[in-house]
Amino acid sequence: MKTLFTLSTLMIVLSLTAQQQLPNSSFEDWSTDTVSGSLEPDGWFSLNTITQDYPNYGTLRTTDAYSGQYALHLISGHVDATPYGFSMIDTTAEATIGTLTSGGPNDGMPYTDRPTKLTFYYKYTAGTTPSNVIDTGLLYFKFSGPSGNIGEGIFQFYGNVVTNYSFVEIPITWWNSNTPDSLFMNISSSTTGFDMMPMSVNSNIPNQINSELFIDKLVFSNFPVSNNPPLISKDFNVYPNP
């Protein structure tokens, strides 16, 4: 039997693959850290090595996913970076694009596209201790070029309980028409000084133990037309050679 392909179908496939996405964006792939023994999402790093009572708290893999087999599950716990030479103690759980080395975090990734929005699905439950504060989770990302930061997007998760996966669309603010060369992103169940964030966000706020944030299916979209292959107005049948 001959297999039939059309050039228009091929163009659609090429268009989708040409659009640069996040690494492990649905958190399906995880590996065990050879030093700490903690389970880490591929392409991202966490604070699991300095989280007390991990894996009761920290950056975790869950089968409670919106789609696929796994999702990201953050549970805020006590983190202490002082043994590594950083005078930081707080309450959070975090996933950041990049790698964590013995010399500290190496965050970010090469990135040269200009999407206009990021979409994802999430669930969120604030903790209960202490009871007199309202915790705030955070998803923040920024694009950088040779001259500095050129775009960003942010979403904050406040104290309201979201028990079912909910869809979020974050518009991306571009400050100029330059092409980025790097992308940085972090996700946290409690906003702290460990997070990368815009100056308008206050990180010096109380946080709660056991705040939980689920994240799945991060997708960049609405790429410039120039990044896509030209559209084919008519289907052309392509058959394999006999």
Protein backbone atom coordinates (compact mmCIF):
# COMPACT_ATOMS: atom_id res chain seq x y z
CA MET A 1 0.00 0.00 0.00
CA LYS A 2 1.30 3.42 -0.91
CA THR A 3 1.59 6.03 1.82
CA LEU A 4 0.16 9.42 0.91
CA PHE A 5 1.52 12.66 2.29
CA THR A 6 0.62 16.22 1.36
CA LEU A 7 2.99 19.15 1.34
CA SER A 8 0.48 21.22 3.30
CA THR A 9 0.49 18.62 6.07
CA LEU A 10 4.27 18.67 6.05
CA MET A 11 4.26 22.46 6.32
CA ILE A 12 2.01 22.28 9.38
CA VAL A 13 4.37 19.82 11.06
CA LEU A 14 7.40 21.97 10.25
CA SER A 15 5.62 25.07 11.52
CA LEU A 16 4.87 23.45 14.87
CA THR A 17 8.36 22.06 15.34
CA ALA A 18 9.99 25.38 14.40
CA GLN A 19 8.32 27.17 17.30
CA GLN A 20 10.63 27.02 20.29
CA GLN A 21 9.01 25.65 23.45
CA LEU A 22 10.10 25.10 27.04
CA PRO A 23 12.12 22.03 28.00
CA ASN A 24 10.05 19.25 29.55
CA SER A 25 7.07 21.61 29.47
CA SER A 26 4.55 19.02 30.68
CA PHE A 27 6.94 17.61 33.31
CA GLU A 28 6.85 14.08 31.92
CA ASP A 29 10.60 13.46 32.28
CA TRP A 30 12.36 13.19 35.66
CA SER A 31 15.80 11.98 36.76
CA THR A 32 17.41 11.18 40.10
CA ASP A 33 20.14 13.61 41.16
CA THR A 34 23.36 11.63 41.57
CA VAL A 35 24.52 13.70 44.57
CA SER A 36 21.38 14.40 46.62
CA GLY A 37 19.25 11.45 45.47
CA SER A 38 16.25 13.73 44.94
CA LEU A 39 14.00 13.31 41.90
CA GLU A 40 14.28 16.36 39.62
CA PRO A 41 12.38 17.47 36.48
CA ASP A 42 14.65 17.28 33.43
CA GLY A 43 15.67 20.75 32.21
CA TRP A 44 14.77 22.35 35.55
CA PHE A 45 16.33 22.51 39.02
CA SER A 46 14.78 22.78 42.48
CA LEU A 47 15.58 23.53 46.11
CA ASN A 48 15.09 19.91 47.16
CA THR A 49 18.68 19.57 48.38
CA ILE A 50 18.10 22.31 50.99
CA THR A 51 14.46 21.47 51.81
CA GLN A 52 13.81 20.03 55.26
CA ASP A 53 11.66 16.88 55.32
CA TYR A 54 11.92 16.29 51.55
CA PRO A 55 9.98 14.57 49.95
CA ASN A 56 7.12 15.53 52.26
CA TYR A 57 7.83 19.03 50.98
CA GLY A 58 9.63 20.33 47.91
CA THR A 59 9.50 19.92 44.14
CA LEU A 60 7.75 16.65 43.37
CA ARG A 61 6.46 14.49 40.53
CA THR A 62 2.75 13.69 40.66
CA THR A 63 0.42 11.46 38.66
CA ASP A 64 -2.38 13.97 39.31
CA ALA A 65 -1.84 15.51 35.87
CA TYR A 66 -4.05 17.54 33.53
CA SER A 67 -2.70 15.58 30.56
CA GLY A 68 -0.08 12.90 30.10
CA GLN A 69 1.29 10.79 32.94
CA TYR A 70 2.91 13.36 35.25
CA ALA A 71 2.74 16.99 36.37
CA LEU A 72 4.75 19.34 38.60
CA HIS A 73 3.72 19.40 42.28
CA LEU A 74 5.23 22.04 44.58
CA ILE A 75 4.68 21.82 48.37
CA SER A 76 6.09 24.70 50.44
CA GLY A 77 8.49 23.66 53.20
CA HIS A 78 11.42 25.11 55.14
CA VAL A 79 14.49 25.73 52.95
CA ASP A 80 17.90 26.65 54.34
CA ALA A 81 20.77 27.68 52.04
CA THR A 82 23.24 28.64 54.80
CA PRO A 83 25.21 25.35 54.58
CA TYR A 84 26.05 26.34 50.99
CA GLY A 85 27.27 29.83 51.89
CA PHE A 86 24.03 31.72 51.19
CA SER A 87 22.38 33.43 54.18
CA MET A 88 18.84 32.57 53.10
CA ILE A 89 16.19 30.71 55.11
CA ASP A 90 12.56 30.71 54.01
CA THR A 91 9.44 28.67 53.21
CA THR A 92 8.80 27.67 49.59
CA ALA A 93 9.14 25.05 46.85
CA GLU A 94 10.45 26.00 43.44
CA ALA A 95 11.25 24.84 39.91
CA THR A 96 13.62 26.91 37.76
CA ILE A 97 14.78 26.37 34.19
CA GLY A 98 18.48 25.51 34.19
CA THR A 99 20.86 23.47 36.33
CA LEU A 100 22.08 23.54 39.92
CA THR A 101 25.84 23.12 40.29
CA SER A 102 28.21 22.98 43.26
CA GLY A 103 28.97 26.65 42.60
CA GLY A 104 25.32 27.66 42.71
CA PRO A 105 22.41 27.94 40.28
CA ASN A 106 22.97 28.20 36.53
CA ASP A 107 19.53 29.32 35.42
CA GLY A 108 18.13 30.08 32.00
CA MET A 109 18.30 28.59 28.50
CA PRO A 110 19.06 29.79 24.96
CA TYR A 111 15.91 31.16 23.34
CA THR A 112 15.38 33.22 20.17
CA ASP A 113 11.61 33.31 19.53
CA ARG A 114 9.06 36.04 20.33
CA PRO A 115 5.77 34.41 21.42
CA THR A 116 2.95 36.65 22.62
CA LYS A 117 1.52 34.44 25.36
CA LEU A 118 2.14 31.50 27.67
CA THR A 119 -0.66 29.10 28.60
CA PHE A 120 -0.80 26.38 31.23
CA TYR A 121 -3.07 24.53 33.66
CA TYR A 122 -2.84 24.71 37.45
CA LYS A 123 -4.36 23.85 40.83
CA TYR A 124 -3.51 25.69 44.04
CA THR A 125 -4.15 25.37 47.77
CA ALA A 126 -2.62 27.75 50.31
CA GLY A 127 -1.20 26.30 53.51
CA THR A 128 -2.64 26.73 56.98
CA THR A 129 0.39 27.56 59.16
CA PRO A 130 0.64 30.34 60.22
CA SER A 131 -3.10 30.98 59.93
CA ASN A 132 -2.90 34.78 59.98
CA VAL A 133 -1.17 35.21 56.58
CA ILE A 134 -2.19 34.80 52.94
CA ASP A 135 0.39 32.94 50.89
CA THR A 136 1.21 33.87 47.28
CA GLY A 137 2.63 31.55 44.63
CA LEU A 138 4.42 32.84 41.54
CA LEU A 139 5.17 31.99 37.92
CA TYR A 140 7.56 34.49 36.35
CA PHE A 141 9.61 34.47 33.16
CA LYS A 142 11.71 36.98 31.26
CA PHE A 143 13.49 37.22 27.92
CA SER A 144 16.96 38.75 27.66
CA GLY A 145 19.22 39.93 24.86
CA PRO A 146 22.72 41.40 24.60
CA SER A 147 21.46 44.76 25.90
CA GLY A 148 19.46 43.35 28.84
CA ASN A 149 15.89 42.27 29.52
CA ILE A 150 13.45 42.82 26.66
CA GLY A 151 10.22 41.08 27.75
CA GLU A 152 8.45 39.30 30.58
CA GLY A 153 5.30 37.59 31.86
CA ILE A 154 3.98 36.99 35.36
CA PHE A 155 1.14 35.21 37.15
CA GLN A 156 0.56 35.17 40.92
CA PHE A 157 -1.38 32.50 42.80
CA TYR A 158 -3.20 34.06 45.74
CA GLY A 159 -4.84 32.36 48.72
CA ASN A 160 -7.96 31.18 46.87
CA VAL A 161 -8.36 27.41 46.59
CA VAL A 162 -8.44 26.01 43.03
CA THR A 163 -9.30 22.31 43.32
CA ASN A 164 -9.71 21.48 39.61
CA TYR A 165 -7.17 22.15 36.89
CA SER A 166 -7.81 25.64 35.53
CA PHE A 167 -6.55 27.24 32.33
CA VAL A 168 -4.35 30.35 32.47
CA GLU A 169 -3.19 32.60 29.64
CA ILE A 170 -0.36 35.04 30.40
CA PRO A 171 0.20 37.85 27.88
CA ILE A 172 3.86 38.59 27.26
CA THR A 173 5.00 42.20 27.47
CA TRP A 174 7.74 43.07 24.98
CA TRP A 175 9.56 46.35 25.60
CA ASN A 176 11.18 46.57 22.17
CA SER A 177 11.46 44.67 18.88
CA ASN A 178 14.81 43.03 19.63
CA THR A 179 15.29 39.28 19.32
CA PRO A 180 16.07 37.54 22.63
CA ASP A 181 18.94 35.15 23.13
CA SER A 182 17.93 33.78 26.56
CA LEU A 183 14.85 32.79 28.55
CA PHE A 184 14.57 32.56 32.34
CA MET A 185 11.62 31.08 34.26
CA ASN A 186 10.82 30.06 37.81
CA ILE A 187 7.68 28.65 39.43
CA SER A 188 7.15 28.70 43.20
CA SER A 189 4.39 27.70 45.59
CA SER A 190 5.35 30.58 47.93
CA THR A 191 6.99 33.83 46.80
CA THR A 192 10.36 34.38 48.51
CA GLY A 193 13.77 35.92 48.00
CA PHE A 194 14.82 32.71 46.27
CA ASP A 195 12.62 33.71 43.32
CA MET A 196 13.48 35.72 40.25
CA MET A 197 10.74 38.36 39.96
CA PRO A 198 10.05 41.92 38.82
CA MET A 199 10.82 44.72 41.27
CA SER A 200 7.08 45.42 41.63
CA VAL A 201 6.58 42.10 43.49
CA ASN A 202 7.24 42.08 47.22
CA SER A 203 9.24 39.01 48.27
CA ASN A 204 9.47 40.02 51.93
CA ILE A 205 6.14 38.52 52.98
CA PRO A 206 5.23 35.68 55.38
CA ASN A 207 4.65 32.27 53.82
CA GLN A 208 2.76 29.18 54.87
CA ILE A 209 3.93 25.63 55.29
CA ASN A 210 2.19 23.15 52.97
CA SER A 211 1.02 25.55 50.24
CA GLU A 212 0.53 23.34 47.18
CA LEU A 213 0.79 24.26 43.50
CA PHE A 214 0.23 21.88 40.56
CA ILE A 215 1.44 22.93 37.08
CA ASP A 216 1.01 21.13 33.75
CA LYS A 217 1.22 21.73 29.99
CA LEU A 218 3.19 24.98 29.66
CA VAL A 219 2.89 26.19 26.05
CA PHE A 220 4.17 29.31 24.28
CA SER A 221 1.97 30.44 21.37
CA ASN A 222 1.18 33.20 18.85
CA PHE A 223 4.62 33.29 17.30
CA PRO A 224 5.48 35.87 14.62
CA VAL A 225 4.47 34.84 11.11
CA SER A 226 8.07 35.20 9.98
CA ASN A 227 9.02 32.23 12.16
CA ASN A 228 6.65 29.93 10.27
CA PRO A 229 7.20 28.28 6.86
CA PRO A 230 5.22 29.83 3.98
CA LEU A 231 1.67 28.57 3.63
CA ILE A 232 0.83 26.29 0.71
CA SER A 233 -2.41 27.24 -0.99
CA LYS A 234 -2.91 23.86 -2.65
CA ASP A 235 -2.24 20.27 -1.60
CA PHE A 236 0.34 18.40 -3.66
CA ASN A 237 0.39 14.62 -3.36
CA VAL A 238 3.79 13.10 -2.69
CA TYR A 239 4.21 9.34 -3.13
CA PRO A 240 7.27 7.23 -2.37
CA ASN A 241 9.31 6.10 -5.36
CA PRO A 242 8.37 2.63 -6.61
